[in-house]
């Protein structure tokens, strides 16, 4: 191969790498901005002092109950809905 063809191949590879690198950066930036916008919307569309409750599932598929009370800044994590209800009731009775 001649020096010219190596340079041409190198330029092609650098151009491809530059495009994929830029695309990856833009994709990551979009994802980051989208998450930030979604968090902002959730924050502003919900009552600021109301508890936030969500459920996640562990690797075995079992539900894990989570809650956050912005008024008291306390968090809850438990395996049963009943425990979550007790925690929420304590918020209003105490």
PDB file of N, CA and C in Angstrom:
ATOM      1  N   UNK A   1       0.840  -1.181   0.000  1.00  0.00           N
ATOM      2  CA  UNK A   1       0.000   0.000   0.000  1.00  0.00           C
ATOM      3  C   UNK A   1       0.880   1.237   0.000  1.00  0.00           C
ATOM      4  N   UNK A   2       0.381   2.221  -0.639  1.00  0.00           N
ATOM      5  CA  UNK A   2       1.146   3.462  -0.704  1.00  0.00           C
ATOM      6  C   UNK A   2       0.823   4.324   0.508  1.00  0.00           C
ATOM      7  N   UNK A   3       1.672   5.278   0.733  1.00  0.00           N
ATOM      8  CA  UNK A   3       1.489   6.201   1.844  1.00  0.00           C
ATOM      9  C   UNK A   3       0.189   6.983   1.684  1.00  0.00           C
ATOM     10  N   UNK A   4      -0.173   7.318   0.447  1.00  0.00           N
ATOM     11  CA  UNK A   4      -1.401   8.063   0.183  1.00  0.00           C
ATOM     12  C   UNK A   4      -2.629   7.253   0.585  1.00  0.00           C
ATOM     13  N   UNK A   5      -2.650   5.964   0.236  1.00  0.00           N
ATOM     14  CA  UNK A   5      -3.831   5.152   0.559  1.00  0.00           C
ATOM     15  C   UNK A   5      -3.949   4.931   2.061  1.00  0.00           C
ATOM     16  N   UNK A   6      -2.834   4.838   2.795  1.00  0.00           N
ATOM     17  CA  UNK A   6      -2.898   4.726   4.247  1.00  0.00           C
ATOM     18  C   UNK A   6      -3.469   6.004   4.855  1.00  0.00           C
ATOM     19  N   UNK A   7      -3.044   7.131   4.331  1.00  0.00           N
ATOM     20  CA  UNK A   7      -3.540   8.409   4.837  1.00  0.00           C
ATOM     21  C   UNK A   7      -5.032   8.533   4.553  1.00  0.00           C
ATOM     22  N   UNK A   8      -5.473   8.119   3.371  1.00  0.00           N
ATOM     23  CA  UNK A   8      -6.884   8.185   3.023  1.00  0.00           C
ATOM     24  C   UNK A   8      -7.709   7.271   3.930  1.00  0.00           C
ATOM     25  N   UNK A   9      -7.203   6.067   4.180  1.00  0.00           N
ATOM     26  CA  UNK A   9      -7.908   5.151   5.078  1.00  0.00           C
ATOM     27  C   UNK A   9      -7.945   5.711   6.498  1.00  0.00           C
ATOM     28  N   UNK A  10      -6.843   6.268   6.927  1.00  0.00           N
ATOM     29  CA  UNK A  10      -6.784   6.848   8.264  1.00  0.00           C
ATOM     30  C   UNK A  10      -7.800   7.994   8.387  1.00  0.00           C
ATOM     31  N   UNK A  11      -7.904   8.820   7.360  1.00  0.00           N
ATOM     32  CA  UNK A  11      -8.851   9.925   7.391  1.00  0.00           C
ATOM     33  C   UNK A  11     -10.289   9.421   7.440  1.00  0.00           C
ATOM     34  N   UNK A  12     -10.581   8.360   6.675  1.00  0.00           N
ATOM     35  CA  UNK A  12     -11.920   7.778   6.693  1.00  0.00           C
ATOM     36  C   UNK A  12     -12.262   7.244   8.081  1.00  0.00           C
ATOM     37  N   UNK A  13     -11.308   6.522   8.687  1.00  0.00           N
ATOM     38  CA  UNK A  13     -11.537   5.970  10.022  1.00  0.00           C
ATOM     39  C   UNK A  13     -11.721   7.071  11.067  1.00  0.00           C
ATOM     40  N   UNK A  14     -10.917   8.115  10.967  1.00  0.00           N
ATOM     41  CA  UNK A  14     -11.042   9.228  11.907  1.00  0.00           C
ATOM     42  C   UNK A  14     -12.382   9.934  11.753  1.00  0.00           C
ATOM     43  N   UNK A  15     -12.855  10.035  10.518  1.00  0.00           N
ATOM     44  CA  UNK A  15     -14.147  10.668  10.262  1.00  0.00           C
ATOM     45  C   UNK A  15     -15.278   9.815  10.857  1.00  0.00           C
ATOM     46  N   UNK A  16     -15.201   8.496  10.669  1.00  0.00           N
ATOM     47  CA  UNK A  16     -16.206   7.585  11.229  1.00  0.00           C
ATOM     48  C   UNK A  16     -16.182   7.650  12.749  1.00  0.00           C
ATOM     49  N   UNK A  17     -14.996   7.608  13.340  1.00  0.00           N
ATOM     50  CA  UNK A  17     -14.872   7.661  14.791  1.00  0.00           C
ATOM     51  C   UNK A  17     -15.414   8.981  15.328  1.00  0.00           C
ATOM     52  N   UNK A  18     -15.109  10.057  14.656  1.00  0.00           N
ATOM     53  CA  UNK A  18     -15.587  11.366  15.082  1.00  0.00           C
ATOM     54  C   UNK A  18     -17.098  11.443  15.068  1.00  0.00           C
ATOM     55  N   UNK A  19     -17.724  10.876  14.054  1.00  0.00           N
ATOM     56  CA  UNK A  19     -19.188  10.870  13.978  1.00  0.00           C
ATOM     57  C   UNK A  19     -19.789  10.030  15.087  1.00  0.00           C
ATOM     58  N   UNK A  20     -19.248   8.835  15.326  1.00  0.00           N
ATOM     59  CA  UNK A  20     -19.822   7.973  16.354  1.00  0.00           C
ATOM     60  C   UNK A  20     -19.594   8.571  17.734  1.00  0.00           C
ATOM     61  N   UNK A  21     -18.454   9.206  17.931  1.00  0.00           N
ATOM     62  CA  UNK A  21     -18.162   9.852  19.202  1.00  0.00           C
ATOM     63  C   UNK A  21     -19.131  11.005  19.448  1.00  0.00           C
ATOM     64  N   UNK A  22     -19.371  11.797  18.434  1.00  0.00           N
ATOM     65  CA  UNK A  22     -20.300  12.912  18.550  1.00  0.00           C
ATOM     66  C   UNK A  22     -21.721  12.404  18.778  1.00  0.00           C
ATOM     67  N   UNK A  23     -22.108  11.380  18.057  1.00  0.00           N
ATOM     68  CA  UNK A  23     -23.453  10.817  18.219  1.00  0.00           C
ATOM     69  C   UNK A  23     -23.633  10.278  19.635  1.00  0.00           C
ATOM     70  N   UNK A  24     -22.639   9.610  20.160  1.00  0.00           N
ATOM     71  CA  UNK A  24     -22.721   9.079  21.520  1.00  0.00           C
ATOM     72  C   UNK A  24     -22.851  10.226  22.519  1.00  0.00           C
ATOM     73  N   UNK A  25     -22.066  11.284  22.360  1.00  0.00           N
ATOM     74  CA  UNK A  25     -22.127  12.437  23.249  1.00  0.00           C
ATOM     75  C   UNK A  25     -23.510  13.077  23.198  1.00  0.00           C
ATOM     76  N   UNK A  26     -24.039  13.281  21.989  1.00  0.00           N
ATOM     77  CA  UNK A  26     -25.353  13.909  21.851  1.00  0.00           C
ATOM     78  C   UNK A  26     -26.446  13.047  22.451  1.00  0.00           C
ATOM     79  N   UNK A  27     -26.345  11.739  22.273  1.00  0.00           N
ATOM     80  CA  UNK A  27     -27.321  10.828  22.847  1.00  0.00           C
ATOM     81  C   UNK A  27     -27.285  10.886  24.369  1.00  0.00           C
ATOM     82  N   UNK A  28     -26.099  10.860  24.941  1.00  0.00           N
ATOM     83  CA  UNK A  28     -25.960  10.932  26.400  1.00  0.00           C
ATOM     84  C   UNK A  28     -26.454  12.278  26.914  1.00  0.00           C
ATOM     85  N   UNK A  29     -26.146  13.342  26.201  1.00  0.00           N
ATOM     86  CA  UNK A  29     -26.584  14.687  26.605  1.00  0.00           C
ATOM     87  C   UNK A  29     -28.100  14.794  26.541  1.00  0.00           C
ATOM     88  N   UNK A  30     -28.715  14.246  25.494  1.00  0.00           N
ATOM     89  CA  UNK A  30     -30.170  14.262  25.366  1.00  0.00           C
ATOM     90  C   UNK A  30     -30.805  13.501  26.516  1.00  0.00           C
ATOM     91  N   UNK A  31     -30.277  12.319  26.830  1.00  0.00           N
ATOM     92  CA  UNK A  31     -30.816  11.512  27.917  1.00  0.00           C
ATOM     93  C   UNK A  31     -30.728  12.270  29.233  1.00  0.00           C
ATOM     94  N   UNK A  32     -29.601  12.896  29.477  1.00  0.00           N
ATOM     95  CA  UNK A  32     -29.401  13.666  30.711  1.00  0.00           C
ATOM     96  C   UNK A  32     -30.394  14.831  30.790  1.00  0.00           C
ATOM     97  N   UNK A  33     -30.548  15.559  29.698  1.00  0.00           N
ATOM     98  CA  UNK A  33     -31.463  16.700  29.676  1.00  0.00           C
ATOM     99  C   UNK A  33     -32.913  16.238  29.825  1.00  0.00           C
ATOM    100  N   UNK A  34     -33.259  15.124  29.200  1.00  0.00           N
ATOM    101  CA  UNK A  34     -34.621  14.593  29.288  1.00  0.00           C
ATOM    102  C   UNK A  34     -34.943  14.193  30.726  1.00  0.00           C
ATOM    103  N   UNK A  35     -34.006  13.525  31.390  1.00  0.00           N
ATOM    104  CA  UNK A  35     -34.223  13.138  32.790  1.00  0.00           C
ATOM    105  C   UNK A  35     -34.388  14.364  33.677  1.00  0.00           C
ATOM    106  N   UNK A  36     -33.585  15.383  33.442  1.00  0.00           N
ATOM    107  CA  UNK A  36     -33.684  16.606  34.232  1.00  0.00           C
ATOM    108  C   UNK A  36     -35.041  17.287  34.014  1.00  0.00           C
ATOM    109  N   UNK A  37     -35.484  17.325  32.765  1.00  0.00           N
ATOM    110  CA  UNK A  37     -36.774  17.936  32.450  1.00  0.00           C
ATOM    111  C   UNK A  37     -37.912  17.139  33.090  1.00  0.00           C
ATOM    112  N   UNK A  38     -37.831  15.831  33.025  1.00  0.00           N
ATOM    113  CA  UNK A  38     -38.857  14.981  33.616  1.00  0.00           C
ATOM    114  C   UNK A  38     -38.908  15.168  35.128  1.00  0.00           C
ATOM    115  N   UNK A  39     -37.758  15.222  35.774  1.00  0.00           N
ATOM    116  CA  UNK A  39     -37.719  15.447  37.223  1.00  0.00           C
ATOM    117  C   UNK A  39     -38.322  16.807  37.569  1.00  0.00           C
ATOM    118  N   UNK A  40     -38.008  17.824  36.768  1.00  0.00           N
ATOM    119  CA  UNK A  40     -38.564  19.155  36.996  1.00  0.00           C
ATOM    120  C   UNK A  40     -40.079  19.127  36.874  1.00  0.00           C
ATOM    121  N   UNK A  41     -40.591  18.454  35.832  1.00  0.00           N
ATOM    122  CA  UNK A  41     -42.037  18.375  35.625  1.00  0.00           C
ATOM    123  C   UNK A  41     -42.720  17.660  36.784  1.00  0.00           C
ATOM    124  N   UNK A  42     -42.154  16.553  37.215  1.00  0.00           N
ATOM    125  CA  UNK A  42     -42.746  15.814  38.328  1.00  0.00           C
ATOM    126  C   UNK A  42     -42.769  16.683  39.578  1.00  0.00           C
ATOM    127  N   UNK A  43     -41.668  17.364  39.826  1.00  0.00           N
ATOM    128  CA  UNK A  43     -41.581  18.220  41.009  1.00  0.00           C
ATOM    129  C   UNK A  43     -42.628  19.323  40.973  1.00  0.00           C
ATOM    130  N   UNK A  44     -42.797  19.971  39.824  1.00  0.00           N
ATOM    131  CA  UNK A  44     -43.690  21.117  39.735  1.00  0.00           C
ATOM    132  C   UNK A  44     -45.153  20.742  39.504  1.00  0.00           C
ATOM    133  N   UNK A  45     -45.407  19.555  39.029  1.00  0.00           N
ATOM    134  CA  UNK A  45     -46.795  19.154  38.798  1.00  0.00           C
ATOM    135  C   UNK A  45     -47.407  18.434  39.998  1.00  0.00           C
ATOM    136  N   UNK A  46     -46.604  18.078  40.950  1.00  0.00           N
ATOM    137  CA  UNK A  46     -47.120  17.433  42.156  1.00  0.00           C
ATOM    138  C   UNK A  46     -47.100  18.446  43.290  1.00  0.00           C
ATOM    139  N   UNK A  47     -47.907  18.183  44.274  1.00  0.00           N
ATOM    140  CA  UNK A  47     -47.908  19.051  45.446  1.00  0.00           C
ATOM    141  C   UNK A  47     -46.565  18.929  46.144  1.00  0.00           C
ATOM    142  N   UNK A  48     -45.957  20.043  46.452  1.00  0.00           N
ATOM    143  CA  UNK A  48     -44.608  20.050  47.014  1.00  0.00           C
ATOM    144  C   UNK A  48     -44.521  19.383  48.374  1.00  0.00           C
ATOM    145  N   UNK A  49     -45.602  19.393  49.153  1.00  0.00           N
ATOM    146  CA  UNK A  49     -45.521  18.809  50.484  1.00  0.00           C
ATOM    147  C   UNK A  49     -46.189  17.443  50.597  1.00  0.00           C
ATOM    148  N   UNK A  50     -46.635  16.903  49.495  1.00  0.00           N
ATOM    149  CA  UNK A  50     -47.257  15.579  49.506  1.00  0.00           C
ATOM    150  C   UNK A  50     -46.190  14.494  49.389  1.00  0.00           C
ATOM    151  N   UNK A  51     -46.391  13.361  50.066  1.00  0.00           N
ATOM    152  CA  UNK A  51     -45.405  12.269  49.955  1.00  0.00           C
ATOM    153  C   UNK A  51     -45.352  11.722  48.534  1.00  0.00           C
ATOM    154  N   UNK A  52     -44.183  11.318  48.142  1.00  0.00           N
ATOM    155  CA  UNK A  52     -43.987  10.681  46.841  1.00  0.00           C
ATOM    156  C   UNK A  52     -43.780   9.192  47.090  1.00  0.00           C
ATOM    157  N   UNK A  53     -44.500   8.380  46.361  1.00  0.00           N
ATOM    158  CA  UNK A  53     -44.455   6.930  46.565  1.00  0.00           C
ATOM    159  C   UNK A  53     -44.164   6.259  45.241  1.00  0.00           C
ATOM    160  N   UNK A  54     -43.287   5.258  45.253  1.00  0.00           N
ATOM    161  CA  UNK A  54     -43.002   4.495  44.050  1.00  0.00           C
ATOM    162  C   UNK A  54     -42.639   3.073  44.439  1.00  0.00           C
ATOM    163  N   UNK A  55     -42.774   2.203  43.467  1.00  0.00           N
ATOM    164  CA  UNK A  55     -42.491   0.773  43.673  1.00  0.00           C
ATOM    165  C   UNK A  55     -41.434   0.349  42.675  1.00  0.00           C
ATOM    166  N   UNK A  56     -40.454  -0.354  43.175  1.00  0.00           N
ATOM    167  CA  UNK A  56     -39.436  -0.970  42.320  1.00  0.00           C
ATOM    168  C   UNK A  56     -39.482  -2.465  42.576  1.00  0.00           C
ATOM    169  N   UNK A  57     -38.953  -3.222  41.638  1.00  0.00           N
ATOM    170  CA  UNK A  57     -38.915  -4.671  41.794  1.00  0.00           C
ATOM    171  C   UNK A  57     -37.471  -5.135  41.824  1.00  0.00           C
ATOM    172  N   UNK A  58     -37.175  -6.056  42.740  1.00  0.00           N
ATOM    173  CA  UNK A  58     -35.812  -6.581  42.824  1.00  0.00           C
ATOM    174  C   UNK A  58     -35.582  -7.612  41.724  1.00  0.00           C
ATOM    175  N   UNK A  59     -34.430  -8.220  41.724  1.00  0.00           N
ATOM    176  CA  UNK A  59     -34.060  -9.173  40.668  1.00  0.00           C
ATOM    177  C   UNK A  59     -35.010 -10.363  40.602  1.00  0.00           C
ATOM    178  N   UNK A  60     -35.614 -10.711  41.735  1.00  0.00           N
ATOM    179  CA  UNK A  60     -36.552 -11.834  41.766  1.00  0.00           C
ATOM    180  C   UNK A  60     -37.979 -11.404  41.421  1.00  0.00           C
ATOM    181  N   UNK A  61     -38.182 -10.107  41.213  1.00  0.00           N
ATOM    182  CA  UNK A  61     -39.506  -9.603  40.847  1.00  0.00           C
ATOM    183  C   UNK A  61     -40.359  -9.206  42.035  1.00  0.00           C
ATOM    184  N   UNK A  62     -39.814  -9.265  43.235  1.00  0.00           N
ATOM    185  CA  UNK A  62     -40.571  -8.888  44.427  1.00  0.00           C
ATOM    186  C   UNK A  62     -40.648  -7.363  44.526  1.00  0.00           C
ATOM    187  N   UNK A  63     -41.828  -6.845  44.895  1.00  0.00           N
ATOM    188  CA  UNK A  63     -41.958  -5.392  44.984  1.00  0.00           C
ATOM    189  C   UNK A  63     -41.219  -4.829  46.195  1.00  0.00           C
ATOM    190  N   UNK A  64     -40.662  -3.648  46.013  1.00  0.00           N
ATOM    191  CA  UNK A  64     -40.029  -2.888  47.091  1.00  0.00           C
ATOM    192  C   UNK A  64     -40.692  -1.518  47.104  1.00  0.00           C
ATOM    193  N   UNK A  65     -41.263  -1.164  48.229  1.00  0.00           N
ATOM    194  CA  UNK A  65     -42.012   0.069  48.346  1.00  0.00           C
ATOM    195  C   UNK A  65     -41.102   1.181  48.870  1.00  0.00           C
ATOM    196  N   UNK A  66     -41.143   2.327  48.176  1.00  0.00           N
ATOM    197  CA  UNK A  66     -40.332   3.478  48.544  1.00  0.00           C
ATOM    198  C   UNK A  66     -41.252   4.683  48.713  1.00  0.00           C
ATOM    199  N   UNK A  67     -40.885   5.560  49.627  1.00  0.00           N
ATOM    200  CA  UNK A  67     -41.631   6.799  49.800  1.00  0.00           C
ATOM    201  C   UNK A  67     -40.691   7.867  50.326  1.00  0.00           C
ATOM    202  N   UNK A  68     -41.046   9.104  50.013  1.00  0.00           N
ATOM    203  CA  UNK A  68     -40.301  10.251  50.513  1.00  0.00           C
ATOM    204  C   UNK A  68     -41.307  11.311  50.918  1.00  0.00           C
ATOM    205  N   UNK A  69     -41.134  11.847  52.118  1.00  0.00           N
ATOM    206  CA  UNK A  69     -42.001  12.897  52.620  1.00  0.00           C
ATOM    207  C   UNK A  69     -41.218  14.203  52.617  1.00  0.00           C
ATOM    208  N   UNK A  70     -41.486  15.110  51.657  1.00  0.00           N
ATOM    209  CA  UNK A  70     -40.723  16.353  51.587  1.00  0.00           C
ATOM    210  C   UNK A  70     -40.974  17.273  52.789  1.00  0.00           C
ATOM    211  N   UNK A  71     -42.112  17.114  53.424  1.00  0.00           N
ATOM    212  CA  UNK A  71     -42.420  17.952  54.581  1.00  0.00           C
ATOM    213  C   UNK A  71     -41.484  17.654  55.754  1.00  0.00           C
ATOM    214  N   UNK A  72     -41.247  16.359  56.011  1.00  0.00           N
ATOM    215  CA  UNK A  72     -40.379  15.956  57.123  1.00  0.00           C
ATOM    216  C   UNK A  72     -38.984  15.541  56.653  1.00  0.00           C
ATOM    217  N   UNK A  73     -38.838  15.392  55.345  1.00  0.00           N
ATOM    218  CA  UNK A  73     -37.597  14.925  54.716  1.00  0.00           C
ATOM    219  C   UNK A  73     -37.224  13.511  55.172  1.00  0.00           C
ATOM    220  N   UNK A  74     -38.240  12.717  55.493  1.00  0.00           N
ATOM    221  CA  UNK A  74     -38.006  11.324  55.872  1.00  0.00           C
ATOM    222  C   UNK A  74     -38.284  10.425  54.684  1.00  0.00           C
ATOM    223  N   UNK A  75     -37.603   9.277  54.690  1.00  0.00           N
ATOM    224  CA  UNK A  75     -37.742   8.296  53.612  1.00  0.00           C
ATOM    225  C   UNK A  75     -38.223   6.974  54.187  1.00  0.00           C
ATOM    226  N   UNK A  76     -38.909   6.218  53.341  1.00  0.00           N
ATOM    227  CA  UNK A  76     -39.376   4.887  53.728  1.00  0.00           C
ATOM    228  C   UNK A  76     -38.916   3.897  52.678  1.00  0.00           C
ATOM    229  N   UNK A  77     -38.520   2.732  53.142  1.00  0.00           N
ATOM    230  CA  UNK A  77     -38.192   1.619  52.260  1.00  0.00           C
ATOM    231  C   UNK A  77     -38.703   0.362  52.942  1.00  0.00           C
ATOM    232  N   UNK A  78     -39.518  -0.418  52.255  1.00  0.00           N
ATOM    233  CA  UNK A  78     -40.039  -1.637  52.857  1.00  0.00           C
ATOM    234  C   UNK A  78     -40.501  -2.637  51.817  1.00  0.00           C
ATOM    235  N   UNK A  79     -40.778  -3.826  52.311  1.00  0.00           N
ATOM    236  CA  UNK A  79     -41.176  -4.915  51.423  1.00  0.00           C
ATOM    237  C   UNK A  79     -42.686  -5.118  51.346  1.00  0.00           C
ATOM    238  N   UNK A  80     -43.449  -4.390  52.184  1.00  0.00           N
ATOM    239  CA  UNK A  80     -44.891  -4.615  52.147  1.00  0.00           C
ATOM    240  C   UNK A  80     -45.658  -3.304  52.051  1.00  0.00           C
ATOM    241  N   UNK A  81     -46.781  -3.382  51.389  1.00  0.00           N
ATOM    242  CA  UNK A  81     -47.652  -2.221  51.258  1.00  0.00           C
ATOM    243  C   UNK A  81     -48.221  -1.841  52.621  1.00  0.00           C
ATOM    244  N   UNK A  82     -48.462  -2.835  53.452  1.00  0.00           N
ATOM    245  CA  UNK A  82     -48.994  -2.572  54.794  1.00  0.00           C
ATOM    246  C   UNK A  82     -48.019  -1.712  55.613  1.00  0.00           C
ATOM    247  N   UNK A  83     -46.727  -2.021  55.545  1.00  0.00           N
ATOM    248  CA  UNK A  83     -45.735  -1.216  56.264  1.00  0.00           C
ATOM    249  C   UNK A  83     -45.724   0.225  55.732  1.00  0.00           C
ATOM    250  N   UNK A  84     -45.896   0.373  54.443  1.00  0.00           N
ATOM    251  CA  UNK A  84     -45.962   1.708  53.857  1.00  0.00           C
ATOM    252  C   UNK A  84     -47.177   2.458  54.383  1.00  0.00           C
ATOM    253  N   UNK A  85     -48.308   1.781  54.457  1.00  0.00           N
ATOM    254  CA  UNK A  85     -49.519   2.421  54.978  1.00  0.00           C
ATOM    255  C   UNK A  85     -49.342   2.868  56.425  1.00  0.00           C
ATOM    256  N   UNK A  86     -48.707   2.027  57.235  1.00  0.00           N
ATOM    257  CA  UNK A  86     -48.443   2.384  58.635  1.00  0.00           C
ATOM    258  C   UNK A  86     -47.561   3.624  58.691  1.00  0.00           C
ATOM    259  N   UNK A  87     -46.530   3.668  57.861  1.00  0.00           N
ATOM    260  CA  UNK A  87     -45.631   4.820  57.832  1.00  0.00           C
ATOM    261  C   UNK A  87     -46.378   6.090  57.431  1.00  0.00           C
ATOM    262  N   UNK A  88     -47.251   5.978  56.426  1.00  0.00           N
ATOM    263  CA  UNK A  88     -48.022   7.141  55.988  1.00  0.00           C
ATOM    264  C   UNK A  88     -49.015   7.595  57.058  1.00  0.00           C
ATOM    265  N   UNK A  89     -49.671   6.648  57.721  1.00  0.00           N
ATOM    266  CA  UNK A  89     -50.627   7.007  58.761  1.00  0.00           C
ATOM    267  C   UNK A  89     -49.936   7.713  59.921  1.00  0.00           C
ATOM    268  N   UNK A  90     -48.724   7.304  60.239  1.00  0.00           N
ATOM    269  CA  UNK A  90     -47.963   7.933  61.320  1.00  0.00           C
ATOM    270  C   UNK A  90     -47.661   9.393  60.964  1.00  0.00           C
ATOM    271  N   UNK A  91     -47.534   9.676  59.669  1.00  0.00           N
ATOM    272  CA  UNK A  91     -47.289  11.048  59.224  1.00  0.00           C
ATOM    273  C   UNK A  91     -48.437  11.956  59.594  1.00  0.00           C
ATOM    274  N   UNK A  92     -49.681  11.453  59.487  1.00  0.00           N
ATOM    275  CA  UNK A  92     -50.852  12.285  59.739  1.00  0.00           C
ATOM    276  C   UNK A  92     -51.274  12.269  61.202  1.00  0.00           C
ATOM    277  N   UNK A  93     -50.929  11.222  61.927  1.00  0.00           N
ATOM    278  CA  UNK A  93     -51.354  11.142  63.321  1.00  0.00           C
ATOM    279  C   UNK A  93     -50.319  11.720  64.282  1.00  0.00           C
ATOM    280  N   UNK A  94     -49.112  11.942  63.804  1.00  0.00           N
ATOM    281  CA  UNK A  94     -48.064  12.415  64.714  1.00  0.00           C
ATOM    282  C   UNK A  94     -47.666  13.759  64.381  1.00  0.00           C
TER     283      UNK A  94
END
